[in-house]
Amino acid sequence: MKKAKQVLAIVGICLLVALYGSTLVFAIIDDPKTFTFLAAAIAATIIIPVMLWVMGIFLRLAKKDDKEN
């Protein structure tokens, strides 16, 4: 269970770093299509940590169920 949390944390960190980098690049590039990509990157910056938090809760609940059985 600890390994799963570590893997989720590392994946989350990598995704957020990539999103911050892409957000910077999209903000610098002056093209009408990049606004859509910029908005998607900003939305994903909010959504990804929330999804990882929810997955952590599910892992914690699964761990409790394993102890009961």
N, C-alpha and C. Protein backbone atom coordinates (compact mmCIF):
# COMPACT_ATOMS: atom_id res chain seq x y z
N MET A 1 0.82 -1.18 0.00
CA MET A 1 0.00 0.00 0.00
C MET A 1 0.87 1.25 0.00
N LYS A 2 1.99 1.20 0.73
CA LYS A 2 2.89 2.35 0.79
C LYS A 2 3.50 2.61 -0.57
N LYS A 3 3.82 1.55 -1.30
CA LYS A 3 4.39 1.70 -2.65
C LYS A 3 3.41 2.38 -3.58
N ALA A 4 2.13 2.02 -3.47
CA ALA A 4 1.11 2.62 -4.34
C ALA A 4 1.01 4.12 -4.09
N LYS A 5 1.06 4.53 -2.83
CA LYS A 5 1.02 5.95 -2.51
C LYS A 5 2.25 6.67 -3.04
N GLN A 6 3.41 6.04 -2.93
CA GLN A 6 4.63 6.66 -3.43
C GLN A 6 4.59 6.81 -4.94
N VAL A 7 4.09 5.79 -5.63
CA VAL A 7 3.99 5.86 -7.08
C VAL A 7 3.01 6.96 -7.48
N LEU A 8 1.86 7.04 -6.81
CA LEU A 8 0.90 8.10 -7.10
C LEU A 8 1.50 9.48 -6.86
N ALA A 9 2.26 9.62 -5.80
CA ALA A 9 2.88 10.91 -5.50
C ALA A 9 3.90 11.30 -6.58
N ILE A 10 4.71 10.35 -7.00
CA ILE A 10 5.72 10.64 -8.02
C ILE A 10 5.06 10.98 -9.35
N VAL A 11 4.03 10.22 -9.72
CA VAL A 11 3.30 10.51 -10.96
C VAL A 11 2.66 11.90 -10.89
N GLY A 12 2.08 12.22 -9.76
CA GLY A 12 1.46 13.53 -9.58
C GLY A 12 2.46 14.67 -9.69
N ILE A 13 3.62 14.49 -9.09
CA ILE A 13 4.66 15.51 -9.16
C ILE A 13 5.13 15.70 -10.60
N CYS A 14 5.35 14.61 -11.30
CA CYS A 14 5.79 14.70 -12.71
C CYS A 14 4.74 15.38 -13.58
N LEU A 15 3.47 15.03 -13.38
CA LEU A 15 2.41 15.65 -14.16
C LEU A 15 2.29 17.15 -13.87
N LEU A 16 2.39 17.52 -12.61
CA LEU A 16 2.28 18.93 -12.26
C LEU A 16 3.45 19.74 -12.79
N VAL A 17 4.66 19.20 -12.74
CA VAL A 17 5.81 19.90 -13.29
C VAL A 17 5.65 20.08 -14.80
N ALA A 18 5.18 19.05 -15.48
CA ALA A 18 4.94 19.16 -16.92
C ALA A 18 3.84 20.18 -17.22
N LEU A 19 2.81 20.19 -16.41
CA LEU A 19 1.74 21.17 -16.62
C LEU A 19 2.21 22.59 -16.37
N TYR A 20 3.03 22.81 -15.34
CA TYR A 20 3.54 24.15 -15.09
C TYR A 20 4.42 24.61 -16.25
N GLY A 21 5.23 23.71 -16.76
CA GLY A 21 6.08 24.04 -17.90
C GLY A 21 5.25 24.35 -19.14
N SER A 22 4.25 23.53 -19.39
CA SER A 22 3.41 23.77 -20.56
C SER A 22 2.60 25.05 -20.40
N THR A 23 2.16 25.36 -19.18
CA THR A 23 1.43 26.60 -18.94
C THR A 23 2.32 27.80 -19.25
N LEU A 24 3.58 27.74 -18.86
CA LEU A 24 4.51 28.82 -19.15
C LEU A 24 4.72 28.97 -20.65
N VAL A 25 4.91 27.86 -21.35
CA VAL A 25 5.12 27.90 -22.79
C VAL A 25 3.87 28.44 -23.50
N PHE A 26 2.70 27.97 -23.11
CA PHE A 26 1.46 28.44 -23.74
C PHE A 26 1.21 29.92 -23.46
N ALA A 27 1.63 30.39 -22.30
CA ALA A 27 1.46 31.80 -21.99
C ALA A 27 2.39 32.67 -22.82
N ILE A 28 3.56 32.16 -23.15
CA ILE A 28 4.53 32.92 -23.93
C ILE A 28 4.17 32.94 -25.41
N ILE A 29 3.70 31.82 -25.94
CA ILE A 29 3.36 31.72 -27.36
C ILE A 29 2.11 32.54 -27.64
N ASP A 30 2.16 33.34 -28.67
CA ASP A 30 1.03 34.19 -29.01
C ASP A 30 0.33 33.64 -30.25
N ASP A 31 -0.52 32.65 -30.01
CA ASP A 31 -1.29 32.02 -31.07
C ASP A 31 -2.72 31.85 -30.57
N PRO A 32 -3.72 32.08 -31.41
CA PRO A 32 -5.11 31.96 -30.92
C PRO A 32 -5.47 30.57 -30.37
N LYS A 33 -4.86 29.53 -30.86
CA LYS A 33 -5.17 28.17 -30.39
C LYS A 33 -4.57 27.87 -29.03
N THR A 34 -3.53 28.58 -28.66
CA THR A 34 -2.86 28.26 -27.39
C THR A 34 -3.69 28.65 -26.18
N PHE A 35 -4.64 29.56 -26.33
CA PHE A 35 -5.48 29.90 -25.18
C PHE A 35 -6.27 28.70 -24.69
N THR A 36 -6.72 27.88 -25.63
CA THR A 36 -7.45 26.66 -25.26
C THR A 36 -6.53 25.71 -24.49
N PHE A 37 -5.30 25.55 -24.97
CA PHE A 37 -4.33 24.69 -24.28
C PHE A 37 -3.96 25.26 -22.91
N LEU A 38 -3.83 26.58 -22.85
CA LEU A 38 -3.52 27.22 -21.57
C LEU A 38 -4.64 26.99 -20.56
N ALA A 39 -5.88 27.14 -21.00
CA ALA A 39 -7.01 26.91 -20.10
C ALA A 39 -7.06 25.45 -19.65
N ALA A 40 -6.78 24.53 -20.56
CA ALA A 40 -6.78 23.11 -20.19
C ALA A 40 -5.66 22.80 -19.20
N ALA A 41 -4.49 23.39 -19.39
CA ALA A 41 -3.38 23.15 -18.47
C ALA A 41 -3.68 23.71 -17.08
N ILE A 42 -4.31 24.88 -17.03
CA ILE A 42 -4.66 25.46 -15.73
C ILE A 42 -5.73 24.61 -15.04
N ALA A 43 -6.71 24.13 -15.80
CA ALA A 43 -7.76 23.28 -15.21
C ALA A 43 -7.16 21.97 -14.71
N ALA A 44 -6.26 21.38 -15.48
CA ALA A 44 -5.63 20.12 -15.06
C ALA A 44 -4.76 20.32 -13.82
N THR A 45 -4.20 21.52 -13.66
CA THR A 45 -3.40 21.82 -12.47
C THR A 45 -4.26 21.75 -11.22
N ILE A 46 -5.53 22.02 -11.35
CA ILE A 46 -6.44 21.93 -10.21
C ILE A 46 -6.99 20.51 -10.08
N ILE A 47 -7.33 19.90 -11.20
CA ILE A 47 -8.00 18.60 -11.19
C ILE A 47 -7.07 17.46 -10.75
N ILE A 48 -5.83 17.45 -11.21
CA ILE A 48 -4.92 16.34 -10.92
C ILE A 48 -4.66 16.17 -9.42
N PRO A 49 -4.33 17.22 -8.67
CA PRO A 49 -4.16 17.01 -7.22
C PRO A 49 -5.42 16.51 -6.52
N VAL A 50 -6.58 17.00 -6.97
CA VAL A 50 -7.83 16.54 -6.36
C VAL A 50 -8.02 15.05 -6.64
N MET A 51 -7.75 14.63 -7.88
CA MET A 51 -7.89 13.21 -8.23
C MET A 51 -6.91 12.35 -7.42
N LEU A 52 -5.68 12.82 -7.24
CA LEU A 52 -4.71 12.08 -6.44
C LEU A 52 -5.15 11.99 -4.98
N TRP A 53 -5.74 13.06 -4.47
CA TRP A 53 -6.24 13.05 -3.09
C TRP A 53 -7.36 12.02 -2.95
N VAL A 54 -8.27 11.98 -3.92
CA VAL A 54 -9.36 11.01 -3.89
C VAL A 54 -8.83 9.58 -3.96
N MET A 55 -7.82 9.36 -4.82
CA MET A 55 -7.22 8.02 -4.92
C MET A 55 -6.57 7.62 -3.60
N GLY A 56 -5.95 8.59 -2.92
CA GLY A 56 -5.37 8.30 -1.62
C GLY A 56 -6.41 7.90 -0.59
N ILE A 57 -7.56 8.56 -0.64
CA ILE A 57 -8.65 8.19 0.26
C ILE A 57 -9.13 6.77 -0.04
N PHE A 58 -9.29 6.44 -1.34
CA PHE A 58 -9.71 5.08 -1.70
C PHE A 58 -8.68 4.04 -1.25
N LEU A 59 -7.40 4.36 -1.37
CA LEU A 59 -6.37 3.42 -0.91
C LEU A 59 -6.47 3.22 0.59
N ARG A 60 -6.72 4.30 1.32
CA ARG A 60 -6.85 4.20 2.78
C ARG A 60 -8.07 3.36 3.16
N LEU A 61 -9.17 3.55 2.43
CA LEU A 61 -10.37 2.76 2.70
C LEU A 61 -10.16 1.29 2.35
N ALA A 62 -9.44 1.02 1.28
CA ALA A 62 -9.15 -0.36 0.89
C ALA A 62 -8.26 -1.03 1.93
N LYS A 63 -7.35 -0.26 2.50
CA LYS A 63 -6.47 -0.81 3.53
C LYS A 63 -7.27 -1.19 4.77
N LYS A 64 -8.26 -0.37 5.14
CA LYS A 64 -9.10 -0.68 6.28
C LYS A 64 -9.94 -1.93 6.02
N ASP A 65 -10.44 -2.08 4.80
CA ASP A 65 -11.23 -3.26 4.45
C ASP A 65 -10.37 -4.52 4.51
N ASP A 66 -9.10 -4.43 4.11
CA ASP A 66 -8.21 -5.58 4.15
C ASP A 66 -7.96 -6.03 5.60
N LYS A 67 -7.85 -5.07 6.51
CA LYS A 67 -7.62 -5.43 7.91
C LYS A 67 -8.83 -6.09 8.55
N GLU A 68 -10.03 -5.69 8.12
CA GLU A 68 -11.25 -6.28 8.68
C GLU A 68 -11.43 -7.72 8.23
N ASN A 69 -11.02 -8.04 7.02
CA ASN A 69 -11.19 -9.40 6.49
C ASN A 69 -10.07 -10.24 6.96
